[in-house]
Amino acid sequence: MNSWLLLLGSSILVVVYYDFIYTSLSASGSGFVSRFLTKGLWRCLLKLTGGKGSHRLLGHAGMLSMVTLILVWISLVWLGNTLLFWSAADSVLHTSSGKMATLWEKLYFVGYTLSTLGYGEFRPGAGGWQLLGRTGFLLGSVGAHHCHFISHAGTLLSNP
């Protein structure tokens, strides 16, 4: 087992999940990743508009920030989980043959699992890998439902 990959993947997941929870549930601001990303995006949009704060493009900044932020969160969760599964050779196995999966197959497995489609032609290895696979599935489901709820809540609040 590669402890560095395990530590790096775990660290990424802790930062992303903290940022996700703090940003989406806190009434007092946003997490570090969210704040860095949205401020950077705002600065880029201001430069594109020549510093005109009333430009039409800036009217789409909120939507663009949310879409970008959700894509970054998904990408980092995918990366963090892939690093966790990459840390051990026997963490993901072919369902039919029991043969160990390659890095690219583990990347596919994590994406497939996080998208809540199940395991497909791969399955997690024994022990803790099964628990991690189920956790990824559960967090993928919760995250998808949470984003869906937030989008509908925003619509309901803006159209009383």
Protein backbone atom coordinates (compact mmCIF):
# COMPACT_ATOMS: atom_id res chain seq x y z
CA MET A 1 0.00 0.00 0.00
CA ASN A 2 1.24 3.47 -0.89
CA SER A 3 0.73 5.62 2.20
CA TRP A 4 1.43 8.88 0.34
CA LEU A 5 -1.42 8.29 -2.11
CA LEU A 6 -3.70 7.34 0.77
CA LEU A 7 -2.77 10.50 2.69
CA LEU A 8 -3.09 12.77 -0.36
CA GLY A 9 -6.46 11.31 -1.37
CA SER A 10 -7.79 11.53 2.19
CA SER A 11 -6.59 15.14 2.52
CA ILE A 12 -8.27 16.18 -0.72
CA LEU A 13 -11.53 14.57 0.39
CA VAL A 14 -11.47 16.21 3.83
CA VAL A 15 -10.88 19.66 2.30
CA VAL A 16 -13.57 19.21 -0.38
CA TYR A 17 -16.23 17.79 1.95
CA TYR A 18 -15.56 20.51 4.51
CA ASP A 19 -15.78 23.17 1.81
CA PHE A 20 -18.97 21.63 0.40
CA ILE A 21 -20.69 21.41 3.78
CA TYR A 22 -19.53 24.83 5.00
CA THR A 23 -20.39 26.60 1.75
CA SER A 24 -23.78 25.03 1.23
CA LEU A 25 -25.05 24.96 4.82
CA SER A 26 -23.40 27.95 6.51
CA ALA A 27 -25.14 31.29 6.54
CA SER A 28 -21.86 33.09 7.21
CA GLY A 29 -19.92 32.63 4.00
CA SER A 30 -18.08 30.03 2.00
CA GLY A 31 -15.23 27.59 2.45
CA PHE A 32 -11.65 28.19 1.34
CA VAL A 33 -11.94 26.44 -2.04
CA SER A 34 -15.26 28.12 -2.84
CA ARG A 35 -14.05 31.57 -1.82
CA PHE A 36 -10.80 31.24 -3.81
CA LEU A 37 -12.63 29.98 -6.90
CA THR A 38 -15.46 32.52 -6.90
CA LYS A 39 -13.18 35.50 -6.22
CA GLY A 40 -10.84 34.38 -9.00
CA LEU A 41 -13.72 33.92 -11.41
CA TRP A 42 -15.11 37.36 -10.52
CA ARG A 43 -11.71 38.98 -11.15
CA CYS A 44 -11.47 37.26 -14.53
CA LEU A 45 -14.95 38.42 -15.51
CA LEU A 46 -14.14 41.97 -14.45
CA LYS A 47 -11.01 41.92 -16.61
CA LEU A 48 -12.99 40.55 -19.55
CA THR A 49 -15.52 43.38 -19.21
CA GLY A 50 -12.85 46.05 -18.91
CA GLY A 51 -13.67 46.72 -15.26
CA LYS A 52 -17.25 47.83 -16.02
CA GLY A 53 -19.27 46.65 -13.02
CA SER A 54 -22.54 47.09 -14.92
CA HIS A 55 -21.67 44.88 -17.91
CA ARG A 56 -24.28 42.25 -18.92
CA LEU A 57 -21.75 39.44 -18.64
CA LEU A 58 -21.46 40.04 -14.90
CA GLY A 59 -25.16 39.28 -14.55
CA HIS A 60 -24.29 35.63 -15.24
CA ALA A 61 -21.44 35.51 -12.71
CA GLY A 62 -23.51 33.82 -10.00
CA MET A 63 -24.69 30.99 -12.23
CA LEU A 64 -21.24 30.57 -13.74
CA SER A 65 -19.70 30.48 -10.26
CA MET A 66 -22.11 27.79 -9.05
CA VAL A 67 -21.63 25.58 -12.12
CA THR A 68 -17.85 25.95 -11.93
CA LEU A 69 -17.84 25.27 -8.19
CA ILE A 70 -19.94 22.12 -8.54
CA LEU A 71 -17.67 20.85 -11.34
CA VAL A 72 -14.58 21.53 -9.22
CA TRP A 73 -16.10 19.74 -6.21
CA ILE A 74 -17.02 16.72 -8.34
CA SER A 75 -13.56 16.63 -9.93
CA LEU A 76 -11.78 16.84 -6.58
CA VAL A 77 -13.97 14.14 -5.01
CA TRP A 78 -13.29 11.95 -8.04
CA LEU A 79 -9.55 12.63 -7.79
CA GLY A 80 -9.41 12.05 -4.03
CA ASN A 81 -11.27 8.75 -4.24
CA THR A 82 -9.18 7.61 -7.20
CA LEU A 83 -6.00 8.29 -5.20
CA LEU A 84 -7.41 6.25 -2.29
CA PHE A 85 -8.18 3.28 -4.53
CA TRP A 86 -4.86 3.68 -6.37
CA SER A 87 -2.98 3.37 -3.08
CA ALA A 88 -3.50 -0.42 -2.98
CA ALA A 89 -3.19 -2.87 -5.88
CA ASP A 90 -6.10 -5.07 -4.75
CA SER A 91 -8.56 -2.25 -3.99
CA VAL A 92 -10.59 -2.72 -7.19
CA LEU A 93 -11.13 -6.04 -8.96
CA HIS A 94 -12.79 -7.17 -12.19
CA THR A 95 -16.18 -8.60 -11.26
CA SER A 96 -15.96 -11.61 -13.59
CA SER A 97 -12.30 -12.63 -13.31
CA GLY A 98 -11.22 -11.19 -9.94
CA LYS A 99 -8.17 -9.70 -11.69
CA MET A 100 -6.76 -6.45 -10.23
CA ALA A 101 -7.79 -3.25 -11.99
CA THR A 102 -5.37 -0.80 -13.61
CA LEU A 103 -5.19 2.89 -12.68
CA TRP A 104 -7.52 3.86 -15.55
CA GLU A 105 -9.99 1.16 -14.55
CA LYS A 106 -9.93 2.46 -10.97
CA LEU A 107 -10.59 5.98 -12.27
CA TYR A 108 -13.55 4.60 -14.23
CA PHE A 109 -14.76 2.60 -11.22
CA VAL A 110 -14.71 5.67 -8.96
CA GLY A 111 -16.57 7.80 -11.50
CA TYR A 112 -19.13 5.08 -12.10
CA THR A 113 -19.63 4.58 -8.36
CA LEU A 114 -19.87 8.30 -7.52
CA SER A 115 -22.42 8.79 -10.29
CA THR A 116 -24.62 6.36 -8.30
CA LEU A 117 -24.83 3.88 -11.18
CA GLY A 118 -23.43 1.07 -9.02
CA TYR A 119 -20.26 -0.92 -9.58
CA GLY A 120 -20.54 -2.13 -13.19
CA GLU A 121 -17.86 -4.55 -14.30
CA PHE A 122 -15.62 -3.76 -11.33
CA ARG A 123 -16.04 -4.26 -7.60
CA PRO A 124 -14.11 -3.08 -4.56
CA GLY A 125 -11.62 -5.48 -2.99
CA ALA A 126 -12.19 -7.11 0.36
CA GLY A 127 -12.48 -5.39 3.74
CA GLY A 128 -12.19 -1.64 3.97
CA TRP A 129 -12.34 -1.19 0.19
CA GLN A 130 -15.94 -2.45 0.18
CA LEU A 131 -16.82 0.09 2.86
CA LEU A 132 -15.06 2.86 0.92
CA GLY A 133 -16.94 1.86 -2.25
CA ARG A 134 -20.29 2.04 -0.44
CA THR A 135 -19.33 5.36 1.18
CA GLY A 136 -18.50 6.79 -2.25
CA PHE A 137 -21.86 5.62 -3.56
CA LEU A 138 -23.67 7.11 -0.56
CA LEU A 139 -21.84 10.46 -0.73
CA GLY A 140 -22.43 10.63 -4.48
CA SER A 141 -26.17 10.15 -3.88
CA VAL A 142 -26.30 12.67 -1.04
CA GLY A 143 -24.28 15.21 -3.02
CA ALA A 144 -26.49 14.87 -6.10
CA HIS A 145 -29.68 15.20 -4.05
CA HIS A 146 -28.24 18.14 -2.10
CA CYS A 147 -27.32 20.03 -5.29
CA HIS A 148 -30.78 19.29 -6.71
CA PHE A 149 -32.42 20.60 -3.52
CA ILE A 150 -30.27 23.76 -3.48
CA SER A 151 -31.15 24.54 -7.11
CA HIS A 152 -34.88 24.15 -6.42
CA ALA A 153 -34.67 26.12 -3.17
CA GLY A 154 -33.04 28.99 -5.04
CA THR A 155 -35.80 28.93 -7.64
CA LEU A 156 -38.53 28.87 -4.99
CA LEU A 157 -36.96 31.71 -3.03
CA SER A 158 -36.53 33.91 -6.11
CA ASN A 159 -40.11 33.30 -7.33
CA PRO A 160 -42.41 33.68 -4.29
